[in-house]
């Protein structure tokens, strides 16, 4: 019987960034739980699959129904310790029932592309957040990485920060990180606020130094 649920980081997107240990654990799984894109990329034909949606209690219920009978592996994009399903599972399961396998996060890859260290960087996810929640985080100078999503595009973030009184700081956008067409766009906030390109679901770094 397999009582431990393994939460595996699958990297920033391109399959080449999935670590060897992650691939080994995924290949041994009988049940895979993850996003639709991850399942399409990593699941084998004989593995049971469960796609993660917005109903997280349903995900937990499914995992508990299989745990102890089958090898369950949960796929977490990037690194499971950074704004992933792992936070919900860790809060609702006994830690003795969980094992986490780290992966390469999009933030980590972004700073590699920028050729900068990232210790001390403030990391925020804007999924489902109100503007006032992150405005306060810019009160002190520093470098901030933001995981954009939904209505919070880099353009909207740049405009919002300028309106809140932040100086016209340098910033960088990582678009399609890890994929062949990836791009890193460097500009000031005022330029990003008017940028015409679709920049949804990117990593944004603001240098308020």
Protein backbone atom coordinates (compact mmCIF):
# COMPACT_ATOMS: atom_id res chain seq x y z
CA UNK A 1 0.00 0.00 0.00
CA UNK A 2 1.19 3.52 -0.86
CA UNK A 3 0.08 5.99 1.80
CA UNK A 4 2.29 8.91 0.76
CA UNK A 5 1.08 11.39 -1.83
CA UNK A 6 3.98 12.83 -3.80
CA UNK A 7 3.68 16.45 -4.98
CA UNK A 8 6.09 16.87 -7.86
CA UNK A 9 7.30 20.15 -9.34
CA UNK A 10 7.08 19.95 -13.13
CA UNK A 11 9.07 23.06 -14.01
CA UNK A 12 8.12 26.22 -15.91
CA UNK A 13 6.54 24.55 -18.93
CA UNK A 14 8.88 22.98 -21.47
CA UNK A 15 9.40 19.29 -20.71
CA UNK A 16 13.18 19.67 -20.82
CA UNK A 17 12.98 21.49 -17.49
CA UNK A 18 11.36 18.57 -15.65
CA UNK A 19 14.01 17.04 -13.39
CA UNK A 20 15.08 13.39 -13.77
CA UNK A 21 13.80 12.47 -10.29
CA UNK A 22 10.44 14.04 -11.13
CA UNK A 23 10.18 12.02 -14.34
CA UNK A 24 11.05 8.84 -12.46
CA UNK A 25 8.35 9.41 -9.84
CA UNK A 26 5.77 10.38 -12.46
CA UNK A 27 6.49 7.24 -14.49
CA UNK A 28 5.89 5.06 -11.41
CA UNK A 29 2.56 6.68 -10.54
CA UNK A 30 -0.73 4.85 -10.93
CA UNK A 31 -2.78 8.02 -10.49
CA UNK A 32 -1.80 11.49 -11.70
CA UNK A 33 -3.49 14.67 -10.48
CA UNK A 34 -2.64 17.93 -12.24
CA UNK A 35 -3.56 20.67 -14.66
CA UNK A 36 -4.85 19.67 -18.09
CA UNK A 37 -1.68 20.83 -19.85
CA UNK A 38 0.55 18.93 -17.43
CA UNK A 39 -1.49 15.75 -17.79
CA UNK A 40 -1.40 15.99 -21.58
CA UNK A 41 2.36 16.42 -21.45
CA UNK A 42 3.35 13.90 -18.78
CA UNK A 43 0.66 11.25 -18.25
CA UNK A 44 1.03 7.77 -19.69
CA UNK A 45 -1.77 5.80 -21.36
CA UNK A 46 -2.30 3.47 -18.39
CA UNK A 47 -2.34 6.08 -15.62
CA UNK A 48 -5.60 7.28 -14.13
CA UNK A 49 -5.89 11.06 -14.45
CA UNK A 50 -7.73 13.74 -12.50
CA UNK A 51 -7.66 17.32 -13.76
CA UNK A 52 -7.38 20.06 -11.14
CA UNK A 53 -10.04 22.75 -11.44
CA UNK A 54 -11.27 25.50 -9.17
CA UNK A 55 -12.98 23.04 -6.78
CA UNK A 56 -10.06 22.20 -4.49
CA UNK A 57 -12.13 20.20 -1.97
CA UNK A 58 -13.05 17.88 -4.86
CA UNK A 59 -9.35 17.42 -5.61
CA UNK A 60 -8.67 16.52 -1.99
CA UNK A 61 -11.62 14.11 -1.92
CA UNK A 62 -10.33 12.35 -5.03
CA UNK A 63 -6.80 12.06 -3.65
CA UNK A 64 -8.09 10.61 -0.37
CA UNK A 65 -10.20 8.09 -2.29
CA UNK A 66 -7.08 6.74 -4.02
CA UNK A 67 -4.41 7.21 -1.35
CA UNK A 68 -3.53 3.98 0.42
CA UNK A 69 -4.61 1.88 -2.54
CA UNK A 70 -2.63 3.33 -5.44
CA UNK A 71 0.48 5.44 -6.02
CA UNK A 72 -0.82 9.01 -6.25
CA UNK A 73 1.32 11.79 -7.69
CA UNK A 74 0.20 15.42 -7.83
CA UNK A 75 1.75 17.57 -10.55
CA UNK A 76 2.53 21.14 -9.50
CA UNK A 77 3.73 23.58 -12.13
CA UNK A 78 7.06 25.20 -11.36
CA UNK A 79 8.08 24.40 -7.80
CA UNK A 80 5.42 23.05 -5.42
CA UNK A 81 6.55 25.41 -2.67
CA UNK A 82 5.65 28.53 -4.66
CA UNK A 83 1.93 29.32 -5.05
CA UNK A 84 0.78 25.83 -5.98
CA UNK A 85 -1.78 23.19 -5.02
CA UNK A 86 0.75 22.04 -2.41
CA UNK A 87 -0.27 24.83 -0.02
CA UNK A 88 -3.88 23.64 0.03
CA UNK A 89 -2.94 19.98 0.43
CA UNK A 90 -0.44 20.74 3.21
CA UNK A 91 -3.12 22.66 5.09
CA UNK A 92 -5.69 19.88 4.76
CA UNK A 93 -3.67 16.68 5.03
CA UNK A 94 -1.34 15.18 7.60
CA UNK A 95 2.21 16.17 6.66
CA UNK A 96 3.26 12.56 7.19
CA UNK A 97 1.08 11.73 4.19
CA UNK A 98 2.89 14.14 1.86
CA UNK A 99 6.24 14.25 0.10
CA UNK A 100 7.35 17.21 -2.01
CA UNK A 101 9.76 17.01 -4.93
CA UNK A 102 11.08 20.46 -5.90
CA UNK A 103 11.09 21.80 -9.43
CA UNK A 104 12.31 24.82 -11.35
CA UNK A 105 9.91 27.74 -10.95
CA UNK A 106 9.16 30.37 -13.58
CA UNK A 107 10.51 33.00 -11.15
CA UNK A 108 13.77 31.09 -10.84
CA UNK A 109 14.06 30.84 -14.63
CA UNK A 110 13.23 34.53 -15.05
CA UNK A 111 16.11 35.61 -12.82
CA UNK A 112 18.42 33.23 -14.66
CA UNK A 113 17.43 34.99 -17.88
CA UNK A 114 18.05 38.36 -16.21
CA UNK A 115 21.45 37.07 -14.99
CA UNK A 116 20.68 38.25 -11.48
CA UNK A 117 20.60 36.47 -8.11
CA UNK A 118 17.19 36.31 -6.49
CA UNK A 119 17.84 35.97 -2.78
CA UNK A 120 15.94 38.71 -1.02
CA UNK A 121 13.47 39.16 -3.86
CA UNK A 122 9.83 39.65 -2.83
CA UNK A 123 7.55 37.25 -4.72
CA UNK A 124 3.83 37.90 -5.16
CA UNK A 125 1.03 36.11 -6.97
CA UNK A 126 -1.79 38.35 -8.17
CA UNK A 127 -4.27 35.59 -8.98
CA UNK A 128 -7.54 36.68 -7.36
CA UNK A 129 -6.00 39.59 -5.44
CA UNK A 130 -7.18 43.16 -5.01
CA UNK A 131 -4.88 46.04 -5.91
CA UNK A 132 -4.62 47.35 -2.37
CA UNK A 133 -3.23 44.01 -1.25
CA UNK A 134 -0.04 44.41 -3.25
CA UNK A 135 0.30 48.21 -3.24
CA UNK A 136 1.50 48.03 0.36
CA UNK A 137 4.20 45.56 -0.59
CA UNK A 138 5.90 48.25 -2.68
CA UNK A 139 6.18 50.74 0.20
CA UNK A 140 9.86 49.90 0.70
CA UNK A 141 12.48 49.83 -2.09
CA UNK A 142 13.47 46.44 -3.41
CA UNK A 143 13.03 43.97 -6.24
CA UNK A 144 9.62 42.32 -6.62
CA UNK A 145 8.64 39.41 -8.85
CA UNK A 146 4.96 39.12 -9.69
CA UNK A 147 3.12 36.12 -11.10
CA UNK A 148 0.49 37.74 -13.28
CA UNK A 149 -2.86 36.26 -14.23
CA UNK A 150 -6.50 37.00 -14.89
CA UNK A 151 -7.25 40.72 -15.04
CA UNK A 152 -3.82 41.54 -13.63
CA UNK A 153 -1.81 41.81 -16.83
CA UNK A 154 1.59 43.53 -16.72
CA UNK A 155 -0.01 46.55 -18.38
CA UNK A 156 -2.67 46.78 -15.67
CA UNK A 157 -0.10 46.27 -12.91
CA UNK A 158 2.21 48.96 -14.31
CA UNK A 159 -0.66 51.43 -14.64
CA UNK A 160 -1.92 50.64 -11.13
CA UNK A 161 1.51 51.05 -9.53
CA UNK A 162 2.11 54.39 -11.23
CA UNK A 163 -1.30 55.67 -10.13
CA UNK A 164 -0.53 54.58 -6.56
CA UNK A 165 2.56 56.80 -6.54
CA UNK A 166 5.38 54.38 -7.33
CA UNK A 167 8.20 55.99 -9.36
CA UNK A 168 8.58 55.10 -13.04
CA UNK A 169 10.82 52.12 -12.24
CA UNK A 170 12.58 49.77 -14.64
CA UNK A 171 10.80 46.44 -15.08
CA UNK A 172 11.11 43.21 -17.03
CA UNK A 173 8.56 40.75 -18.40
CA UNK A 174 9.21 37.07 -19.05
CA UNK A 175 6.81 35.82 -21.73
CA UNK A 176 6.49 32.11 -22.62
CA UNK A 177 9.44 31.27 -20.39
CA UNK A 178 11.19 27.97 -21.21
CA UNK A 179 9.43 27.63 -24.58
CA UNK A 180 11.20 28.17 -27.93
CA UNK A 181 9.48 31.53 -28.46
CA UNK A 182 10.26 32.95 -25.02
CA UNK A 183 10.99 36.65 -24.74
CA UNK A 184 12.28 38.97 -22.04
CA UNK A 185 10.96 42.52 -22.43
CA UNK A 186 12.70 45.31 -20.52
CA UNK A 187 10.98 48.68 -20.14
CA UNK A 188 9.93 51.28 -17.62
CA UNK A 189 6.51 51.03 -15.99
CA UNK A 190 5.18 53.91 -18.10
CA UNK A 191 6.17 52.07 -21.29
CA UNK A 192 4.70 48.77 -20.09
CA UNK A 193 1.41 50.45 -19.22
CA UNK A 194 1.00 51.27 -22.93
CA UNK A 195 2.47 48.04 -24.32
CA UNK A 196 0.16 46.73 -27.08
CA UNK A 197 1.08 43.04 -26.90
CA UNK A 198 -0.85 40.36 -25.01
CA UNK A 199 1.28 39.71 -21.93
CA UNK A 200 -1.09 37.58 -19.87
CA UNK A 201 0.30 34.91 -17.54
CA UNK A 202 3.86 36.23 -17.47
CA UNK A 203 6.46 36.79 -14.79
CA UNK A 204 6.95 40.50 -14.12
CA UNK A 205 9.88 41.93 -12.18
CA UNK A 206 9.83 45.49 -10.84
CA UNK A 207 13.13 47.09 -9.82
CA UNK A 208 12.15 49.66 -7.17
CA UNK A 209 15.72 50.12 -5.97
